[in-house]
């Protein structure tokens, strides 16, 4: 009789529990507070801060020149002015905010961030590497996040570009991962290799899993070396991360 060798789940040699205290684990709540509140509203941002997450605001400029939190180019009221969100962060260093650039003048954005003295709290996010690098030149002390999705082959091409610059200007890097039938589409070896490469440049490795927000998925990604999550389901993500740190895995 032919015996089949037992298979073991692939894991990274690097684990976030050994390097990042739970209190410092970053969870980005998508469009404010994900599914928990109306997107891109001050109420959503306040809820995310209360939960201990970092909310994300999509930022656009209205035809009148006002920067607002809005994902789509639809400026029907009510609108949340970014200046009001930044004011809610002023003198509150524990409050941070991702600013996902949709359509905006970076110089105008930098002026608003500077006026409220929240440069170190505002994390500019974009899939456009040129925007990330431009922002870093304007406000060098302000953190950045580059996010990207696509197949492993497509992501490899994007990493080739980053290698040519030494990953310059990037503080956090988010990879979109995908879940189909409760399984990750991306291979474990690919995510481990990318995580090791990202960390070697002192960059936070974040993932946004699409298609299944479950404890099982989050634990698997943490086993593969992920350091941070973006999520539409903050409660699910928070509980999964806390249980992982508590020895659930």
C-alpha atoms as a PDB file:
ATOM      1  CA  UNK A   1       0.000   0.000   0.000  1.00  0.00           C
ATOM      2  CA  UNK A   2       1.296   3.434  -0.946  1.00  0.00           C
ATOM      3  CA  UNK A   3       1.465   5.913   1.908  1.00  0.00           C
ATOM      4  CA  UNK A   4       0.858   9.621   1.417  1.00  0.00           C
ATOM      5  CA  UNK A   5       3.078  11.964   3.369  1.00  0.00           C
ATOM      6  CA  UNK A   6       1.111  14.109   5.811  1.00  0.00           C
ATOM      7  CA  UNK A   7       0.610  17.706   4.806  1.00  0.00           C
ATOM      8  CA  UNK A   8       1.123  20.594   7.195  1.00  0.00           C
ATOM      9  CA  UNK A   9      -0.221  24.127   6.876  1.00  0.00           C
ATOM     10  CA  UNK A  10       2.422  26.453   5.526  1.00  0.00           C
ATOM     11  CA  UNK A  11       3.433  29.191   7.968  1.00  0.00           C
ATOM     12  CA  UNK A  12       5.845  32.073   7.976  1.00  0.00           C
ATOM     13  CA  UNK A  13       8.835  32.013  10.303  1.00  0.00           C
ATOM     14  CA  UNK A  14       7.849  35.586  11.212  1.00  0.00           C
ATOM     15  CA  UNK A  15       4.798  36.096  13.410  1.00  0.00           C
ATOM     16  CA  UNK A  16       3.249  39.377  14.451  1.00  0.00           C
ATOM     17  CA  UNK A  17       2.685  38.209  18.037  1.00  0.00           C
ATOM     18  CA  UNK A  18       6.440  38.040  18.552  1.00  0.00           C
ATOM     19  CA  UNK A  19       7.081  41.559  17.318  1.00  0.00           C
ATOM     20  CA  UNK A  20       4.013  43.816  17.659  1.00  0.00           C
ATOM     21  CA  UNK A  21       2.070  44.225  20.939  1.00  0.00           C
ATOM     22  CA  UNK A  22      -1.667  43.728  20.541  1.00  0.00           C
ATOM     23  CA  UNK A  23      -2.295  47.351  21.552  1.00  0.00           C
ATOM     24  CA  UNK A  24      -0.206  48.473  18.540  1.00  0.00           C
ATOM     25  CA  UNK A  25      -1.826  46.169  15.965  1.00  0.00           C
ATOM     26  CA  UNK A  26      -3.310  48.335  13.199  1.00  0.00           C
ATOM     27  CA  UNK A  27      -6.795  47.641  11.866  1.00  0.00           C
ATOM     28  CA  UNK A  28      -7.911  50.001   9.115  1.00  0.00           C
ATOM     29  CA  UNK A  29     -11.693  50.294   8.966  1.00  0.00           C
ATOM     30  CA  UNK A  30     -12.764  50.716   5.350  1.00  0.00           C
ATOM     31  CA  UNK A  31     -14.632  53.925   4.424  1.00  0.00           C
ATOM     32  CA  UNK A  32     -14.936  54.907   8.076  1.00  0.00           C
ATOM     33  CA  UNK A  33     -16.317  52.007  10.073  1.00  0.00           C
ATOM     34  CA  UNK A  34     -17.033  49.472   7.353  1.00  0.00           C
ATOM     35  CA  UNK A  35     -20.546  48.055   7.550  1.00  0.00           C
ATOM     36  CA  UNK A  36     -21.123  49.498  11.025  1.00  0.00           C
ATOM     37  CA  UNK A  37     -22.032  53.057   9.988  1.00  0.00           C
ATOM     38  CA  UNK A  38     -22.800  55.225   6.981  1.00  0.00           C
ATOM     39  CA  UNK A  39     -19.589  55.471   5.007  1.00  0.00           C
ATOM     40  CA  UNK A  40     -17.337  58.516   5.055  1.00  0.00           C
ATOM     41  CA  UNK A  41     -19.239  60.275   7.837  1.00  0.00           C
ATOM     42  CA  UNK A  42     -17.906  61.847  10.998  1.00  0.00           C
ATOM     43  CA  UNK A  43     -20.057  59.397  12.962  1.00  0.00           C
ATOM     44  CA  UNK A  44     -18.284  56.479  11.258  1.00  0.00           C
ATOM     45  CA  UNK A  45     -14.849  57.924  11.991  1.00  0.00           C
ATOM     46  CA  UNK A  46     -15.763  58.507  15.638  1.00  0.00           C
ATOM     47  CA  UNK A  47     -16.994  54.921  15.947  1.00  0.00           C
ATOM     48  CA  UNK A  48     -13.786  53.541  14.446  1.00  0.00           C
ATOM     49  CA  UNK A  49     -11.672  55.551  16.855  1.00  0.00           C
ATOM     50  CA  UNK A  50     -13.805  54.338  19.745  1.00  0.00           C
ATOM     51  CA  UNK A  51     -13.229  50.729  18.664  1.00  0.00           C
ATOM     52  CA  UNK A  52      -9.484  51.276  18.467  1.00  0.00           C
ATOM     53  CA  UNK A  53      -9.300  51.148  14.659  1.00  0.00           C
ATOM     54  CA  UNK A  54      -7.891  53.662  12.198  1.00  0.00           C
ATOM     55  CA  UNK A  55     -10.706  54.800   9.897  1.00  0.00           C
ATOM     56  CA  UNK A  56     -10.227  55.380   6.191  1.00  0.00           C
ATOM     57  CA  UNK A  57     -11.650  58.437   4.452  1.00  0.00           C
ATOM     58  CA  UNK A  58     -11.936  58.610   0.674  1.00  0.00           C
ATOM     59  CA  UNK A  59     -11.063  62.166  -0.276  1.00  0.00           C
ATOM     60  CA  UNK A  60     -12.295  64.211  -3.230  1.00  0.00           C
ATOM     61  CA  UNK A  61     -12.606  67.870  -4.073  1.00  0.00           C
ATOM     62  CA  UNK A  62     -16.017  69.330  -4.865  1.00  0.00           C
ATOM     63  CA  UNK A  63     -16.490  71.610  -7.892  1.00  0.00           C
ATOM     64  CA  UNK A  64     -16.426  74.499  -5.392  1.00  0.00           C
ATOM     65  CA  UNK A  65     -12.966  73.469  -4.179  1.00  0.00           C
ATOM     66  CA  UNK A  66     -13.859  71.868  -0.829  1.00  0.00           C
ATOM     67  CA  UNK A  67     -12.167  68.621   0.163  1.00  0.00           C
ATOM     68  CA  UNK A  68     -14.757  66.113   1.357  1.00  0.00           C
ATOM     69  CA  UNK A  69     -14.935  62.469   2.370  1.00  0.00           C
ATOM     70  CA  UNK A  70     -16.683  60.735  -0.532  1.00  0.00           C
ATOM     71  CA  UNK A  71     -15.810  57.572  -2.447  1.00  0.00           C
ATOM     72  CA  UNK A  72     -17.720  58.225  -5.667  1.00  0.00           C
ATOM     73  CA  UNK A  73     -17.866  61.495  -7.663  1.00  0.00           C
ATOM     74  CA  UNK A  74     -21.329  62.231  -6.312  1.00  0.00           C
ATOM     75  CA  UNK A  75     -21.540  65.368  -4.252  1.00  0.00           C
ATOM     76  CA  UNK A  76     -25.168  65.245  -3.202  1.00  0.00           C
ATOM     77  CA  UNK A  77     -25.661  66.235   0.445  1.00  0.00           C
ATOM     78  CA  UNK A  78     -24.924  65.470   3.144  1.00  0.00           C
ATOM     79  CA  UNK A  79     -21.198  65.853   2.709  1.00  0.00           C
ATOM     80  CA  UNK A  80     -18.498  65.464   5.347  1.00  0.00           C
ATOM     81  CA  UNK A  81     -15.865  68.156   5.081  1.00  0.00           C
ATOM     82  CA  UNK A  82     -12.376  66.819   5.626  1.00  0.00           C
ATOM     83  CA  UNK A  83     -11.552  69.923   7.650  1.00  0.00           C
ATOM     84  CA  UNK A  84     -14.153  68.829  10.232  1.00  0.00           C
ATOM     85  CA  UNK A  85     -12.616  65.363  10.463  1.00  0.00           C
ATOM     86  CA  UNK A  86      -9.109  66.765  10.856  1.00  0.00           C
ATOM     87  CA  UNK A  87     -10.368  69.158  13.526  1.00  0.00           C
ATOM     88  CA  UNK A  88     -11.684  66.140  15.463  1.00  0.00           C
ATOM     89  CA  UNK A  89      -8.134  64.753  15.402  1.00  0.00           C
ATOM     90  CA  UNK A  90      -6.360  67.947  16.443  1.00  0.00           C
ATOM     91  CA  UNK A  91      -4.734  67.639  19.877  1.00  0.00           C
ATOM     92  CA  UNK A  92      -5.807  63.977  19.916  1.00  0.00           C
ATOM     93  CA  UNK A  93      -2.608  62.164  18.878  1.00  0.00           C
ATOM     94  CA  UNK A  94      -4.213  58.754  19.426  1.00  0.00           C
ATOM     95  CA  UNK A  95      -6.593  59.478  16.551  1.00  0.00           C
ATOM     96  CA  UNK A  96      -5.203  58.575  13.154  1.00  0.00           C
ATOM     97  CA  UNK A  97      -6.830  58.566   9.719  1.00  0.00           C
ATOM     98  CA  UNK A  98      -6.144  56.977   6.347  1.00  0.00           C
ATOM     99  CA  UNK A  99      -6.719  59.385   3.466  1.00  0.00           C
ATOM    100  CA  UNK A 100      -7.410  57.377   0.312  1.00  0.00           C
ATOM    101  CA  UNK A 101      -6.735  59.730  -2.564  1.00  0.00           C
ATOM    102  CA  UNK A 102      -9.475  59.756  -5.193  1.00  0.00           C
ATOM    103  CA  UNK A 103      -9.331  63.193  -6.832  1.00  0.00           C
ATOM    104  CA  UNK A 104      -7.513  65.940  -5.064  1.00  0.00           C
ATOM    105  CA  UNK A 105      -4.771  68.549  -5.149  1.00  0.00           C
ATOM    106  CA  UNK A 106      -2.090  67.220  -2.809  1.00  0.00           C
ATOM    107  CA  UNK A 107      -0.806  70.694  -2.005  1.00  0.00           C
ATOM    108  CA  UNK A 108      -4.280  71.761  -0.845  1.00  0.00           C
ATOM    109  CA  UNK A 109      -4.598  68.588   1.209  1.00  0.00           C
ATOM    110  CA  UNK A 110      -1.202  69.165   2.780  1.00  0.00           C
ATOM    111  CA  UNK A 111      -2.229  72.708   3.734  1.00  0.00           C
ATOM    112  CA  UNK A 112      -5.326  71.422   5.561  1.00  0.00           C
ATOM    113  CA  UNK A 113      -3.355  68.706   7.315  1.00  0.00           C
ATOM    114  CA  UNK A 114      -0.669  71.195   8.320  1.00  0.00           C
ATOM    115  CA  UNK A 115      -3.232  73.741   9.561  1.00  0.00           C
ATOM    116  CA  UNK A 116      -4.610  71.239  12.088  1.00  0.00           C
ATOM    117  CA  UNK A 117      -1.163  69.930  13.039  1.00  0.00           C
ATOM    118  CA  UNK A 118      -2.068  66.296  12.320  1.00  0.00           C
ATOM    119  CA  UNK A 119       0.680  65.479   9.834  1.00  0.00           C
ATOM    120  CA  UNK A 120       1.907  62.467  11.797  1.00  0.00           C
ATOM    121  CA  UNK A 121      -1.664  61.189  12.216  1.00  0.00           C
ATOM    122  CA  UNK A 122      -2.776  61.425   8.583  1.00  0.00           C
ATOM    123  CA  UNK A 123      -1.767  58.410   6.480  1.00  0.00           C
ATOM    124  CA  UNK A 124      -2.051  59.091   2.770  1.00  0.00           C
ATOM    125  CA  UNK A 125      -3.114  55.980   0.846  1.00  0.00           C
ATOM    126  CA  UNK A 126      -3.149  55.350  -2.882  1.00  0.00           C
ATOM    127  CA  UNK A 127      -2.645  52.622  -5.457  1.00  0.00           C
ATOM    128  CA  UNK A 128      -0.674  55.189  -7.481  1.00  0.00           C
ATOM    129  CA  UNK A 129       2.961  55.018  -6.399  1.00  0.00           C
ATOM    130  CA  UNK A 130       3.666  58.473  -7.848  1.00  0.00           C
ATOM    131  CA  UNK A 131       1.086  59.987  -5.485  1.00  0.00           C
ATOM    132  CA  UNK A 132       2.641  58.250  -2.496  1.00  0.00           C
ATOM    133  CA  UNK A 133       6.106  59.535  -3.359  1.00  0.00           C
ATOM    134  CA  UNK A 134       4.833  63.040  -4.100  1.00  0.00           C
ATOM    135  CA  UNK A 135       3.098  63.214  -0.724  1.00  0.00           C
ATOM    136  CA  UNK A 136       6.256  62.073   1.036  1.00  0.00           C
ATOM    137  CA  UNK A 137       8.149  64.927  -0.580  1.00  0.00           C
ATOM    138  CA  UNK A 138       5.533  67.453   0.564  1.00  0.00           C
ATOM    139  CA  UNK A 139       5.204  66.182   4.149  1.00  0.00           C
ATOM    140  CA  UNK A 140       8.122  63.837   4.912  1.00  0.00           C
ATOM    141  CA  UNK A 141       6.904  63.070   8.446  1.00  0.00           C
ATOM    142  CA  UNK A 142       3.436  62.030   7.284  1.00  0.00           C
ATOM    143  CA  UNK A 143       2.989  58.244   6.886  1.00  0.00           C
ATOM    144  CA  UNK A 144       1.972  56.641   3.600  1.00  0.00           C
ATOM    145  CA  UNK A 145       0.269  53.452   2.434  1.00  0.00           C
ATOM    146  CA  UNK A 146       0.531  51.949  -1.038  1.00  0.00           C
ATOM    147  CA  UNK A 147      -2.246  49.487  -1.810  1.00  0.00           C
ATOM    148  CA  UNK A 148      -2.453  47.065  -4.697  1.00  0.00           C
ATOM    149  CA  UNK A 149      -4.491  44.188  -6.025  1.00  0.00           C
ATOM    150  CA  UNK A 150      -4.390  41.778  -8.933  1.00  0.00           C
ATOM    151  CA  UNK A 151      -3.040  38.344  -9.733  1.00  0.00           C
ATOM    152  CA  UNK A 152       0.268  37.135  -8.341  1.00  0.00           C
ATOM    153  CA  UNK A 153       1.869  37.782 -11.743  1.00  0.00           C
ATOM    154  CA  UNK A 154       0.504  41.330 -11.815  1.00  0.00           C
ATOM    155  CA  UNK A 155       1.658  41.973  -8.283  1.00  0.00           C
ATOM    156  CA  UNK A 156       5.127  40.667  -9.108  1.00  0.00           C
ATOM    157  CA  UNK A 157       5.403  43.309 -11.851  1.00  0.00           C
ATOM    158  CA  UNK A 158       4.427  46.030  -9.399  1.00  0.00           C
ATOM    159  CA  UNK A 159       7.029  44.792  -6.931  1.00  0.00           C
ATOM    160  CA  UNK A 160       9.656  45.030  -9.667  1.00  0.00           C
ATOM    161  CA  UNK A 161       8.915  48.755  -9.877  1.00  0.00           C
ATOM    162  CA  UNK A 162       9.242  49.123  -6.111  1.00  0.00           C
ATOM    163  CA  UNK A 163      12.556  47.266  -6.066  1.00  0.00           C
ATOM    164  CA  UNK A 164      13.999  49.742  -8.533  1.00  0.00           C
ATOM    165  CA  UNK A 165      13.367  52.553  -6.044  1.00  0.00           C
ATOM    166  CA  UNK A 166      14.194  50.583  -2.907  1.00  0.00           C
ATOM    167  CA  UNK A 167      10.540  50.948  -1.848  1.00  0.00           C
ATOM    168  CA  UNK A 168      11.162  54.670  -1.354  1.00  0.00           C
ATOM    169  CA  UNK A 169       8.438  56.715   0.310  1.00  0.00           C
ATOM    170  CA  UNK A 170       6.337  53.753   1.510  1.00  0.00           C
ATOM    171  CA  UNK A 171       5.571  53.192   5.193  1.00  0.00           C
ATOM    172  CA  UNK A 172       2.774  50.651   4.793  1.00  0.00           C
ATOM    173  CA  UNK A 173       1.937  48.316   1.928  1.00  0.00           C
ATOM    174  CA  UNK A 174      -1.460  46.680   1.529  1.00  0.00           C
ATOM    175  CA  UNK A 175      -2.079  43.636  -0.645  1.00  0.00           C
ATOM    176  CA  UNK A 176      -5.597  42.629  -1.588  1.00  0.00           C
ATOM    177  CA  UNK A 177      -6.177  38.952  -0.903  1.00  0.00           C
ATOM    178  CA  UNK A 178      -9.175  36.920  -2.004  1.00  0.00           C
ATOM    179  CA  UNK A 179     -11.228  34.149  -0.461  1.00  0.00           C
ATOM    180  CA  UNK A 180     -13.200  31.649  -2.567  1.00  0.00           C
ATOM    181  CA  UNK A 181     -14.978  28.691  -0.945  1.00  0.00           C
ATOM    182  CA  UNK A 182     -13.270  29.585   2.357  1.00  0.00           C
ATOM    183  CA  UNK A 183      -9.819  29.272   0.792  1.00  0.00           C
ATOM    184  CA  UNK A 184      -7.243  31.926  -0.027  1.00  0.00           C
ATOM    185  CA  UNK A 185      -6.671  32.373  -3.752  1.00  0.00           C
ATOM    186  CA  UNK A 186      -3.133  33.648  -3.209  1.00  0.00           C
ATOM    187  CA  UNK A 187      -0.568  30.980  -2.414  1.00  0.00           C
ATOM    188  CA  UNK A 188       0.991  30.858   1.009  1.00  0.00           C
ATOM    189  CA  UNK A 189       4.516  30.910  -0.386  1.00  0.00           C
ATOM    190  CA  UNK A 190       3.791  34.081  -2.366  1.00  0.00           C
ATOM    191  CA  UNK A 191       2.424  35.930   0.666  1.00  0.00           C
ATOM    192  CA  UNK A 192       5.283  34.780   2.885  1.00  0.00           C
ATOM    193  CA  UNK A 193       7.870  35.930   0.354  1.00  0.00           C
ATOM    194  CA  UNK A 194       6.205  39.292  -0.165  1.00  0.00           C
ATOM    195  CA  UNK A 195       5.837  39.801   3.586  1.00  0.00           C
ATOM    196  CA  UNK A 196       9.506  39.056   4.187  1.00  0.00           C
ATOM    197  CA  UNK A 197      10.478  41.466   1.417  1.00  0.00           C
ATOM    198  CA  UNK A 198       8.174  44.212   2.686  1.00  0.00           C
ATOM    199  CA  UNK A 199       9.438  43.912   6.264  1.00  0.00           C
ATOM    200  CA  UNK A 200      13.065  43.937   5.111  1.00  0.00           C
ATOM    201  CA  UNK A 201      12.447  47.570   4.104  1.00  0.00           C
ATOM    202  CA  UNK A 202      10.873  48.443   7.462  1.00  0.00           C
ATOM    203  CA  UNK A 203       7.393  48.587   5.944  1.00  0.00           C
ATOM    204  CA  UNK A 204       4.157  47.429   7.578  1.00  0.00           C
ATOM    205  CA  UNK A 205       2.581  44.487   5.697  1.00  0.00           C
ATOM    206  CA  UNK A 206      -1.206  44.923   5.583  1.00  0.00           C
ATOM    207  CA  UNK A 207      -3.875  42.816   3.850  1.00  0.00           C
ATOM    208  CA  UNK A 208      -7.465  43.483   2.842  1.00  0.00           C
ATOM    209  CA  UNK A 209      -9.192  40.104   2.376  1.00  0.00           C
ATOM    210  CA  UNK A 210     -12.119  40.081  -0.042  1.00  0.00           C
ATOM    211  CA  UNK A 211     -14.792  37.414  -0.128  1.00  0.00           C
ATOM    212  CA  UNK A 212     -14.789  36.150   3.434  1.00  0.00           C
ATOM    213  CA  UNK A 213     -14.211  37.945   6.702  1.00  0.00           C
ATOM    214  CA  UNK A 214     -13.864  35.091   9.171  1.00  0.00           C
ATOM    215  CA  UNK A 215     -11.635  34.133  12.063  1.00  0.00           C
ATOM    216  CA  UNK A 216     -10.275  31.260   9.970  1.00  0.00           C
ATOM    217  CA  UNK A 217      -9.179  33.596   7.167  1.00  0.00           C
ATOM    218  CA  UNK A 218      -7.614  36.146   9.500  1.00  0.00           C
ATOM    219  CA  UNK A 219      -5.700  33.467  11.419  1.00  0.00           C
ATOM    220  CA  UNK A 220      -4.416  32.003   8.164  1.00  0.00           C
ATOM    221  CA  UNK A 221      -3.155  35.393   6.982  1.00  0.00           C
ATOM    222  CA  UNK A 222      -1.515  36.031  10.340  1.00  0.00           C
ATOM    223  CA  UNK A 223       0.197  32.646  10.097  1.00  0.00           C
ATOM    224  CA  UNK A 224       1.543  33.784   6.717  1.00  0.00           C
ATOM    225  CA  UNK A 225       3.158  36.881   8.219  1.00  0.00           C
ATOM    226  CA  UNK A 226       0.525  39.570   7.738  1.00  0.00           C
ATOM    227  CA  UNK A 227       0.986  42.396  10.266  1.00  0.00           C
ATOM    228  CA  UNK A 228      -2.178  44.453   9.820  1.00  0.00           C
ATOM    229  CA  UNK A 229      -5.640  44.343   8.248  1.00  0.00           C
ATOM    230  CA  UNK A 230      -8.047  46.599   6.424  1.00  0.00           C
ATOM    231  CA  UNK A 231     -11.636  45.518   6.884  1.00  0.00           C
ATOM    232  CA  UNK A 232     -15.306  46.171   6.246  1.00  0.00           C
ATOM    233  CA  UNK A 233     -16.133  44.168   9.382  1.00  0.00           C
ATOM    234  CA  UNK A 234     -14.278  45.737  12.322  1.00  0.00           C
ATOM    235  CA  UNK A 235     -15.931  43.632  15.036  1.00  0.00           C
ATOM    236  CA  UNK A 236     -15.066  40.366  13.274  1.00  0.00           C
ATOM    237  CA  UNK A 237     -11.492  41.480  12.639  1.00  0.00           C
ATOM    238  CA  UNK A 238     -10.954  42.769  16.168  1.00  0.00           C
ATOM    239  CA  UNK A 239     -12.210  39.546  17.718  1.00  0.00           C
ATOM    240  CA  UNK A 240     -10.119  37.390  15.382  1.00  0.00           C
ATOM    241  CA  UNK A 241      -6.928  39.329  16.111  1.00  0.00           C
ATOM    242  CA  UNK A 242      -7.535  39.346  19.869  1.00  0.00           C
ATOM    243  CA  UNK A 243      -8.190  35.613  19.937  1.00  0.00           C
ATOM    244  CA  UNK A 244      -5.054  34.971  17.849  1.00  0.00           C
ATOM    245  CA  UNK A 245      -2.930  36.940  20.286  1.00  0.00           C
ATOM    246  CA  UNK A 246      -4.645  35.134  23.146  1.00  0.00           C
ATOM    247  CA  UNK A 247      -3.333  31.789  21.965  1.00  0.00           C
ATOM    248  CA  UNK A 248      -6.299  30.740  19.869  1.00  0.00           C
ATOM    249  CA  UNK A 249      -3.838  29.673  17.197  1.00  0.00           C
END
